[in-house]
C-alpha atoms as a PDB file:
ATOM      1  CA  UNK A   1      40.741  32.932  40.586  1.00  0.00           C
ATOM      2  CA  UNK A   2      39.327  31.650  36.976  1.00  0.00           C
ATOM      3  CA  UNK A   3      41.676  28.513  37.307  1.00  0.00           C
ATOM      4  CA  UNK A   4      39.843  27.440  40.678  1.00  0.00           C
ATOM      5  CA  UNK A   5      36.483  28.321  39.526  1.00  0.00           C
ATOM      6  CA  UNK A   6      37.006  26.496  36.288  1.00  0.00           C
ATOM      7  CA  UNK A   7      38.177  23.211  38.291  1.00  0.00           C
ATOM      8  CA  UNK A   8      35.070  23.514  40.592  1.00  0.00           C
ATOM      9  CA  UNK A   9      32.823  23.692  37.778  1.00  0.00           C
ATOM     10  CA  UNK A  10      34.781  20.667  36.353  1.00  0.00           C
ATOM     11  CA  UNK A  11      34.536  18.701  39.404  1.00  0.00           C
ATOM     12  CA  UNK A  12      30.660  19.453  39.653  1.00  0.00           C
ATOM     13  CA  UNK A  13      29.933  18.273  36.254  1.00  0.00           C
ATOM     14  CA  UNK A  14      32.098  14.973  36.801  1.00  0.00           C
ATOM     15  CA  UNK A  15      30.337  14.286  40.057  1.00  0.00           C
ATOM     16  CA  UNK A  16      27.072  14.640  37.871  1.00  0.00           C
ATOM     17  CA  UNK A  17      27.892  12.377  35.308  1.00  0.00           C
ATOM     18  CA  UNK A  18      29.291   9.708  37.852  1.00  0.00           C
ATOM     19  CA  UNK A  19      25.886  10.010  39.646  1.00  0.00           C
ATOM     20  CA  UNK A  20      24.485   9.302  36.405  1.00  0.00           C
ATOM     21  CA  UNK A  21      26.429   6.639  35.147  1.00  0.00           C
ATOM     22  CA  UNK A  22      26.353   4.706  38.550  1.00  0.00           C
ATOM     23  CA  UNK A  23      22.645   4.271  38.244  1.00  0.00           C
ATOM     24  CA  UNK A  24      22.240   2.390  34.695  1.00  0.00           C
ATOM     25  CA  UNK A  25      18.530   1.670  35.415  1.00  0.00           C
ATOM     26  CA  UNK A  26      17.470   4.833  36.430  1.00  0.00           C
ATOM     27  CA  UNK A  27      15.496   6.910  34.034  1.00  0.00           C
ATOM     28  CA  UNK A  28      16.901  10.559  33.418  1.00  0.00           C
ATOM     29  CA  UNK A  29      15.047  13.446  31.849  1.00  0.00           C
ATOM     30  CA  UNK A  30      16.696  12.343  28.625  1.00  0.00           C
ATOM     31  CA  UNK A  31      17.187   8.872  29.014  1.00  0.00           C
ATOM     32  CA  UNK A  32      13.689   8.039  27.506  1.00  0.00           C
ATOM     33  CA  UNK A  33      13.899  10.025  24.727  1.00  0.00           C
ATOM     34  CA  UNK A  34      17.654   9.600  24.082  1.00  0.00           C
ATOM     35  CA  UNK A  35      19.232   6.480  25.692  1.00  0.00           C
ATOM     36  CA  UNK A  36      22.295   7.093  24.197  1.00  0.00           C
ATOM     37  CA  UNK A  37      22.964  10.631  25.840  1.00  0.00           C
ATOM     38  CA  UNK A  38      24.466   9.056  28.742  1.00  0.00           C
ATOM     39  CA  UNK A  39      27.295   7.794  26.643  1.00  0.00           C
ATOM     40  CA  UNK A  40      28.045  11.192  24.931  1.00  0.00           C
ATOM     41  CA  UNK A  41      27.369  13.239  27.806  1.00  0.00           C
ATOM     42  CA  UNK A  42      30.860  13.067  29.231  1.00  0.00           C
ATOM     43  CA  UNK A  43      32.112  14.864  25.832  1.00  0.00           C
ATOM     44  CA  UNK A  44      29.252  17.144  25.704  1.00  0.00           C
ATOM     45  CA  UNK A  45      29.338  18.830  29.217  1.00  0.00           C
ATOM     46  CA  UNK A  46      32.706  19.987  28.704  1.00  0.00           C
ATOM     47  CA  UNK A  47      32.358  21.595  25.174  1.00  0.00           C
ATOM     48  CA  UNK A  48      29.113  23.382  26.964  1.00  0.00           C
ATOM     49  CA  UNK A  49      31.016  24.406  29.652  1.00  0.00           C
ATOM     50  CA  UNK A  50      33.726  25.774  27.226  1.00  0.00           C
ATOM     51  CA  UNK A  51      30.875  27.593  25.052  1.00  0.00           C
ATOM     52  CA  UNK A  52      29.482  29.242  28.231  1.00  0.00           C
ATOM     53  CA  UNK A  53      32.912  30.469  29.448  1.00  0.00           C
ATOM     54  CA  UNK A  54      33.586  31.609  25.887  1.00  0.00           C
ATOM     55  CA  UNK A  55      30.178  33.646  25.848  1.00  0.00           C
ATOM     56  CA  UNK A  56      31.064  35.019  29.136  1.00  0.00           C
ATOM     57  CA  UNK A  57      34.324  36.358  28.328  1.00  0.00           C
ATOM     58  CA  UNK A  58      32.926  37.799  25.182  1.00  0.00           C
ATOM     59  CA  UNK A  59      30.400  39.522  27.190  1.00  0.00           C
ATOM     60  CA  UNK A  60      32.830  41.188  29.673  1.00  0.00           C
ATOM     61  CA  UNK A  61      35.197  42.220  26.780  1.00  0.00           C
ATOM     62  CA  UNK A  62      32.063  43.904  25.000  1.00  0.00           C
ATOM     63  CA  UNK A  63      31.217  45.413  28.255  1.00  0.00           C
ATOM     64  CA  UNK A  64      34.768  46.826  28.622  1.00  0.00           C
ATOM     65  CA  UNK A  65      34.934  48.187  25.147  1.00  0.00           C
ATOM     66  CA  UNK A  66      31.775  49.827  25.801  1.00  0.00           C
ATOM     67  CA  UNK A  67      32.922  51.448  29.011  1.00  0.00           C
ATOM     68  CA  UNK A  68      35.877  52.611  27.328  1.00  0.00           C
ATOM     69  CA  UNK A  69      33.847  54.027  24.416  1.00  0.00           C
ATOM     70  CA  UNK A  70      31.841  55.768  26.827  1.00  0.00           C
ATOM     71  CA  UNK A  71      34.750  57.155  28.965  1.00  0.00           C
ATOM     72  CA  UNK A  72      36.391  58.601  25.651  1.00  0.00           C
ATOM     73  CA  UNK A  73      33.035  60.657  24.733  1.00  0.00           C
ATOM     74  CA  UNK A  74      33.053  62.103  28.458  1.00  0.00           C
ATOM     75  CA  UNK A  75      36.445  63.379  27.892  1.00  0.00           C
ATOM     76  CA  UNK A  76      35.631  64.990  24.613  1.00  0.00           C
ATOM     77  CA  UNK A  77      32.328  66.363  25.793  1.00  0.00           C
ATOM     78  CA  UNK A  78      34.586  67.642  28.708  1.00  0.00           C
ATOM     79  CA  UNK A  79      37.567  69.010  26.528  1.00  0.00           C
ATOM     80  CA  UNK A  80      34.636  71.051  23.943  1.00  0.00           C
ATOM     81  CA  UNK A  81      33.007  72.379  27.254  1.00  0.00           C
ATOM     82  CA  UNK A  82      36.281  73.733  28.580  1.00  0.00           C
ATOM     83  CA  UNK A  83      37.516  75.071  25.044  1.00  0.00           C
ATOM     84  CA  UNK A  84      33.613  76.642  24.751  1.00  0.00           C
ATOM     85  CA  UNK A  85      34.270  78.599  28.234  1.00  0.00           C
ATOM     86  CA  UNK A  86      37.554  79.897  27.166  1.00  0.00           C
ATOM     87  CA  UNK A  87      36.273  81.208  23.835  1.00  0.00           C
ATOM     88  CA  UNK A  88      32.968  82.613  25.595  1.00  0.00           C
ATOM     89  CA  UNK A  89      35.729  84.481  27.965  1.00  0.00           C
ATOM     90  CA  UNK A  90      37.250  86.125  24.987  1.00  0.00           C
ATOM     91  CA  UNK A  91      35.962  89.142  23.287  1.00  0.00           C
ATOM     92  CA  UNK A  92      36.423  89.115  19.679  1.00  0.00           C
ATOM     93  CA  UNK A  93      35.211  91.746  17.100  1.00  0.00           C
ATOM     94  CA  UNK A  94      33.549  90.665  14.074  1.00  0.00           C
ATOM     95  CA  UNK A  95      34.004  92.607  11.044  1.00  0.00           C
ATOM     96  CA  UNK A  96      30.797  94.518   9.858  1.00  0.00           C
ATOM     97  CA  UNK A  97      30.289  95.186   6.376  1.00  0.00           C
ATOM     98  CA  UNK A  98      28.117  98.263   6.421  1.00  0.00           C
ATOM     99  CA  UNK A  99      28.519  99.039   2.771  1.00  0.00           C
ATOM    100  CA  UNK A 100      27.380  95.805   1.313  1.00  0.00           C
ATOM    101  CA  UNK A 101      23.579  96.648   1.396  1.00  0.00           C
ATOM    102  CA  UNK A 102      24.455 100.158   0.066  1.00  0.00           C
ATOM    103  CA  UNK A 103      26.220  98.896  -2.724  1.00  0.00           C
ATOM    104  CA  UNK A 104      23.902  96.205  -3.714  1.00  0.00           C
ATOM    105  CA  UNK A 105      20.998  98.737  -3.855  1.00  0.00           C
ATOM    106  CA  UNK A 106      23.085 100.962  -5.727  1.00  0.00           C
ATOM    107  CA  UNK A 107      23.880  98.242  -8.484  1.00  0.00           C
ATOM    108  CA  UNK A 108      20.363  97.519  -8.564  1.00  0.00           C
ATOM    109  CA  UNK A 109      18.922 100.870  -8.948  1.00  0.00           C
ATOM    110  CA  UNK A 110      21.439 101.479 -11.710  1.00  0.00           C
ATOM    111  CA  UNK A 111      20.338  98.476 -13.617  1.00  0.00           C
ATOM    112  CA  UNK A 112      16.522  99.280 -13.214  1.00  0.00           C
ATOM    113  CA  UNK A 113      17.546 103.139 -14.620  1.00  0.00           C
ATOM    114  CA  UNK A 114      19.669 101.548 -17.603  1.00  0.00           C
ATOM    115  CA  UNK A 115      16.295  99.445 -18.476  1.00  0.00           C
ATOM    116  CA  UNK A 116      14.401 102.311 -18.106  1.00  0.00           C
ATOM    117  CA  UNK A 117      16.745 104.515 -20.301  1.00  0.00           C
ATOM    118  CA  UNK A 118      16.731 101.737 -22.932  1.00  0.00           C
ATOM    119  CA  UNK A 119      13.102 101.614 -23.094  1.00  0.00           C
ATOM    120  CA  UNK A 120      12.631 105.129 -23.594  1.00  0.00           C
ATOM    121  CA  UNK A 121      14.906 105.039 -26.396  1.00  0.00           C
ATOM    122  CA  UNK A 122      13.171 101.975 -27.756  1.00  0.00           C
ATOM    123  CA  UNK A 123       9.887 103.995 -27.836  1.00  0.00           C
ATOM    124  CA  UNK A 124      11.588 107.335 -29.008  1.00  0.00           C
ATOM    125  CA  UNK A 125      12.676 105.622 -32.293  1.00  0.00           C
ATOM    126  CA  UNK A 126       9.262 103.474 -32.918  1.00  0.00           C
ATOM    127  CA  UNK A 127       6.216 104.379 -30.881  1.00  0.00           C
ATOM    128  CA  UNK A 128       4.054 102.015 -32.229  1.00  0.00           C
ATOM    129  CA  UNK A 129       6.113  99.000 -30.740  1.00  0.00           C
ATOM    130  CA  UNK A 130       4.307  96.405 -29.219  1.00  0.00           C
ATOM    131  CA  UNK A 131       5.089  95.192 -25.562  1.00  0.00           C
ATOM    132  CA  UNK A 132       6.142  91.811 -26.878  1.00  0.00           C
ATOM    133  CA  UNK A 133       8.504  93.159 -29.230  1.00  0.00           C
ATOM    134  CA  UNK A 134       9.990  95.577 -26.693  1.00  0.00           C
ATOM    135  CA  UNK A 135      10.544  92.749 -24.332  1.00  0.00           C
ATOM    136  CA  UNK A 136      12.427  90.817 -26.943  1.00  0.00           C
ATOM    137  CA  UNK A 137      14.617  93.829 -27.827  1.00  0.00           C
ATOM    138  CA  UNK A 138      15.805  94.722 -24.426  1.00  0.00           C
ATOM    139  CA  UNK A 139      16.072  91.103 -23.365  1.00  0.00           C
ATOM    140  CA  UNK A 140      13.639  91.086 -20.183  1.00  0.00           C
ATOM    141  CA  UNK A 141      10.250  89.324 -19.883  1.00  0.00           C
ATOM    142  CA  UNK A 142       6.939  91.277 -20.816  1.00  0.00           C
ATOM    143  CA  UNK A 143       5.641  92.055 -17.141  1.00  0.00           C
ATOM    144  CA  UNK A 144       8.849  93.806 -16.605  1.00  0.00           C
ATOM    145  CA  UNK A 145       8.095  96.106 -19.545  1.00  0.00           C
ATOM    146  CA  UNK A 146       4.496  96.615 -18.229  1.00  0.00           C
ATOM    147  CA  UNK A 147       5.861  97.347 -14.871  1.00  0.00           C
ATOM    148  CA  UNK A 148       8.569  99.530 -16.257  1.00  0.00           C
ATOM    149  CA  UNK A 149       5.981 101.616 -18.731  1.00  0.00           C
ATOM    150  CA  UNK A 150       3.565 101.950 -15.562  1.00  0.00           C
ATOM    151  CA  UNK A 151       6.474 103.386 -13.825  1.00  0.00           C
ATOM    152  CA  UNK A 152       7.758 105.690 -16.488  1.00  0.00           C
ATOM    153  CA  UNK A 153       4.110 106.942 -16.848  1.00  0.00           C
ATOM    154  CA  UNK A 154       3.451 107.622 -13.169  1.00  0.00           C
ATOM    155  CA  UNK A 155       6.614 109.465 -13.431  1.00  0.00           C
ATOM    156  CA  UNK A 156       5.391 111.501 -16.348  1.00  0.00           C
ATOM    157  CA  UNK A 157       7.971 110.440 -18.821  1.00  0.00           C
ATOM    158  CA  UNK A 158       5.836 108.818 -21.398  1.00  0.00           C
ATOM    159  CA  UNK A 159       2.183 108.823 -22.150  1.00  0.00           C
ATOM    160  CA  UNK A 160       0.064 105.783 -23.507  1.00  0.00           C
ATOM    161  CA  UNK A 161      -2.427 106.847 -26.177  1.00  0.00           C
ATOM    162  CA  UNK A 162      -4.019 103.926 -27.126  1.00  0.00           C
ATOM    163  CA  UNK A 163      -2.122 103.742 -30.555  1.00  0.00           C
ATOM    164  CA  UNK A 164       1.105 103.260 -29.207  1.00  0.00           C
ATOM    165  CA  UNK A 165       3.590 105.442 -26.556  1.00  0.00           C
ATOM    166  CA  UNK A 166       4.420 109.120 -26.631  1.00  0.00           C
ATOM    167  CA  UNK A 167       7.792 109.902 -24.890  1.00  0.00           C
ATOM    168  CA  UNK A 168       7.460 113.441 -23.160  1.00  0.00           C
ATOM    169  CA  UNK A 169      10.387 115.480 -23.637  1.00  0.00           C
END
């Protein structure tokens, strides 16, 4: 089929060129601008037709490749949907770690209790100790010391008397 179409196209081009060449005095569209075009036209038109056929072939090949990619995507999408529906039908039990939160809270509480006990020990040995020095010795921030002192005072374990910290026994 392609060979027949190509031969028909070449026959039309040849007829056109013969018609142009048959009337040498006839002015063509390009005759007044390029008078020598009629000399080169027999060589140029077949090249143009080859270029056109090449472009059409490339477009067809590209269209075929794009359709193939879209078909592959559709197949993968269908496979994923089937896999998902199969997974939804299965009942799975996920392990639940109930004690993780409790362990974490216990660790935080134990750490805070150790900090409070070490702060009490610091103030038993040196009641005049400033908040900055206590923070440096305990290895925490001054704000943490202020918070711990507030908590200890509310619990009744210390008393701040303006001249230092008095530890209650």
